[in-house]
């Protein structure tokens, strides 16, 4: 019988080795508890500034270039998540995925609340930051601080 406590597992996924470790741990838990796994990946291109934007002069070609970049990143990310969903389904685990845009931590927390997630399994570090110096990634730290459900941080 499935445990309600671990019935809906969220795995924020960015393709890093730590998020792959998180996937493997979530699969282990899901097989024991008959849980459903949700994958989320957040595309964030806010740090890209089109030429002239600081002066208030943004051309439509710059805006279109950023839109194309965002669309391309979302498509690539969707394919990456589809392979993780497929990996779960092969093992008999229900899985689904979603790609969103915005602030990474905020979007993870918002999705967890919407889906009534009962456990978040997240890698200790992602693709950002100074990997060898940081012991815990800023996203995993913030998620663990603000999530309304238990968070398992996987190294």
Protein backbone atom coordinates (compact mmCIF):
# COMPACT_ATOMS: atom_id res chain seq x y z
CA UNK A 1 0.00 0.00 0.00
CA UNK A 2 1.29 3.42 -0.94
CA UNK A 3 2.23 5.82 1.81
CA UNK A 4 0.41 9.14 1.53
CA UNK A 5 3.46 10.80 3.04
CA UNK A 6 5.61 9.90 0.04
CA UNK A 7 2.94 9.68 -2.65
CA UNK A 8 4.06 12.62 -4.83
CA UNK A 9 7.77 13.18 -5.27
CA UNK A 10 9.19 16.24 -7.04
CA UNK A 11 12.63 16.13 -8.62
CA UNK A 12 13.98 19.47 -9.87
CA UNK A 13 16.18 18.37 -12.77
CA UNK A 14 18.92 20.27 -14.61
CA UNK A 15 21.01 17.44 -16.06
CA UNK A 16 23.85 17.82 -13.54
CA UNK A 17 25.40 14.76 -11.92
CA UNK A 18 23.75 15.70 -8.63
CA UNK A 19 20.30 15.91 -10.19
CA UNK A 20 20.94 12.50 -11.75
CA UNK A 21 21.75 11.17 -8.27
CA UNK A 22 18.48 12.73 -7.06
CA UNK A 23 16.56 10.94 -9.83
CA UNK A 24 18.05 7.60 -8.83
CA UNK A 25 17.15 8.17 -5.17
CA UNK A 26 13.61 9.26 -6.10
CA UNK A 27 13.19 6.10 -8.18
CA UNK A 28 14.34 3.96 -5.21
CA UNK A 29 11.81 5.65 -2.92
CA UNK A 30 9.05 5.51 -5.52
CA UNK A 31 9.47 1.79 -6.12
CA UNK A 32 9.12 1.10 -2.39
CA UNK A 33 6.29 3.53 -1.76
CA UNK A 34 4.44 3.34 -5.11
CA UNK A 35 4.86 7.10 -5.51
CA UNK A 36 4.43 9.26 -8.57
CA UNK A 37 7.45 11.30 -9.65
CA UNK A 38 7.17 14.78 -11.09
CA UNK A 39 10.13 16.39 -12.80
CA UNK A 40 10.47 20.14 -13.14
CA UNK A 41 13.08 22.14 -14.92
CA UNK A 42 13.23 25.92 -14.90
CA UNK A 43 14.56 27.84 -17.87
CA UNK A 44 15.93 31.17 -16.71
CA UNK A 45 17.25 33.62 -19.31
CA UNK A 46 16.75 36.73 -17.16
CA UNK A 47 20.49 37.29 -17.00
CA UNK A 48 20.67 37.87 -20.77
CA UNK A 49 20.52 41.56 -21.58
CA UNK A 50 19.93 42.62 -25.17
CA UNK A 51 22.31 45.28 -26.48
CA UNK A 52 21.06 48.76 -25.57
CA UNK A 53 18.61 47.56 -22.93
CA UNK A 54 20.36 49.46 -20.16
CA UNK A 55 19.79 52.65 -22.13
CA UNK A 56 16.15 51.80 -22.78
CA UNK A 57 16.81 51.15 -26.45
CA UNK A 58 15.88 47.56 -27.29
CA UNK A 59 15.37 46.57 -30.87
CA UNK A 60 12.73 44.09 -31.91
CA UNK A 61 15.46 41.85 -33.34
CA UNK A 62 17.06 41.63 -29.86
CA UNK A 63 13.73 40.74 -28.29
CA UNK A 64 13.13 38.13 -31.00
CA UNK A 65 16.60 36.68 -30.46
CA UNK A 66 15.93 36.23 -26.75
CA UNK A 67 12.55 34.63 -27.51
CA UNK A 68 14.20 32.20 -29.93
CA UNK A 69 16.86 31.39 -27.33
CA UNK A 70 14.20 30.78 -24.66
CA UNK A 71 12.11 28.61 -26.98
CA UNK A 72 15.17 26.60 -27.97
CA UNK A 73 16.20 26.10 -24.34
CA UNK A 74 12.65 24.97 -23.43
CA UNK A 75 12.58 22.48 -26.30
CA UNK A 76 15.96 21.01 -25.36
CA UNK A 77 14.95 20.86 -21.70
CA UNK A 78 11.66 19.13 -22.55
CA UNK A 79 13.59 16.44 -24.41
CA UNK A 80 15.94 16.03 -21.44
CA UNK A 81 12.99 15.60 -19.06
CA UNK A 82 11.22 13.22 -21.44
CA UNK A 83 14.16 10.83 -21.16
CA UNK A 84 13.85 10.88 -17.34
CA UNK A 85 10.09 10.26 -17.53
CA UNK A 86 10.74 7.38 -19.90
CA UNK A 87 13.36 5.95 -17.52
CA UNK A 88 10.74 5.93 -14.75
CA UNK A 89 7.97 4.45 -16.87
CA UNK A 90 10.23 1.59 -17.96
CA UNK A 91 10.59 0.76 -14.26
CA UNK A 92 6.81 0.88 -13.79
CA UNK A 93 6.77 4.25 -12.05
CA UNK A 94 4.23 6.94 -12.90
CA UNK A 95 6.07 10.07 -13.97
CA UNK A 96 5.34 13.44 -15.52
CA UNK A 97 7.34 16.56 -16.28
CA UNK A 98 7.02 20.27 -16.75
CA UNK A 99 9.30 22.98 -18.09
CA UNK A 100 8.70 26.51 -16.85
CA UNK A 101 10.38 29.89 -17.04
CA UNK A 102 11.24 32.19 -14.19
CA UNK A 103 13.10 32.27 -10.91
CA UNK A 104 14.32 28.73 -10.26
CA UNK A 105 13.55 28.48 -6.54
CA UNK A 106 10.21 30.29 -6.78
CA UNK A 107 9.02 28.06 -9.63
CA UNK A 108 10.03 24.85 -7.83
CA UNK A 109 8.19 25.93 -4.68
CA UNK A 110 5.12 27.08 -6.62
CA UNK A 111 4.92 23.79 -8.53
CA UNK A 112 5.33 21.80 -5.28
CA UNK A 113 2.42 23.68 -3.75
CA UNK A 114 0.19 23.32 -6.84
CA UNK A 115 0.75 19.56 -7.09
CA UNK A 116 0.61 19.01 -3.31
CA UNK A 117 4.06 17.42 -3.43
CA UNK A 118 4.85 15.32 -0.35
CA UNK A 119 8.64 15.06 -0.84
CA UNK A 120 11.18 17.03 -2.86
CA UNK A 121 14.33 15.16 -3.85
CA UNK A 122 16.93 17.65 -5.08
CA UNK A 123 20.60 17.49 -5.96
CA UNK A 124 22.96 19.28 -3.60
CA UNK A 125 24.44 21.31 -6.44
CA UNK A 126 23.31 22.16 -9.93
CA UNK A 127 24.92 23.48 -13.03
CA UNK A 128 25.52 26.94 -11.56
CA UNK A 129 27.98 28.37 -9.08
CA UNK A 130 31.50 27.59 -8.03
CA UNK A 131 31.14 23.84 -7.77
CA UNK A 132 34.29 22.99 -5.85
CA UNK A 133 33.92 25.64 -3.15
CA UNK A 134 30.22 25.50 -2.38
CA UNK A 135 29.04 22.70 -0.11
CA UNK A 136 25.37 23.27 -0.89
CA UNK A 137 23.91 24.94 -3.95
CA UNK A 138 21.88 28.09 -3.44
CA UNK A 139 18.77 26.58 -5.05
CA UNK A 140 18.77 23.42 -2.93
CA UNK A 141 19.43 25.49 0.20
CA UNK A 142 16.54 27.89 -0.53
CA UNK A 143 14.17 25.06 -1.46
CA UNK A 144 15.00 23.25 1.80
CA UNK A 145 14.36 26.45 3.78
CA UNK A 146 11.06 27.44 2.21
CA UNK A 147 9.37 24.20 1.10
CA UNK A 148 6.23 23.19 2.96
CA UNK A 149 7.10 19.49 2.63
CA UNK A 150 10.19 17.44 3.51
CA UNK A 151 13.23 17.94 1.27
CA UNK A 152 15.85 15.27 0.66
CA UNK A 153 19.12 16.78 -0.58
CA UNK A 154 21.20 14.24 -2.49
CA UNK A 155 24.92 14.55 -3.02
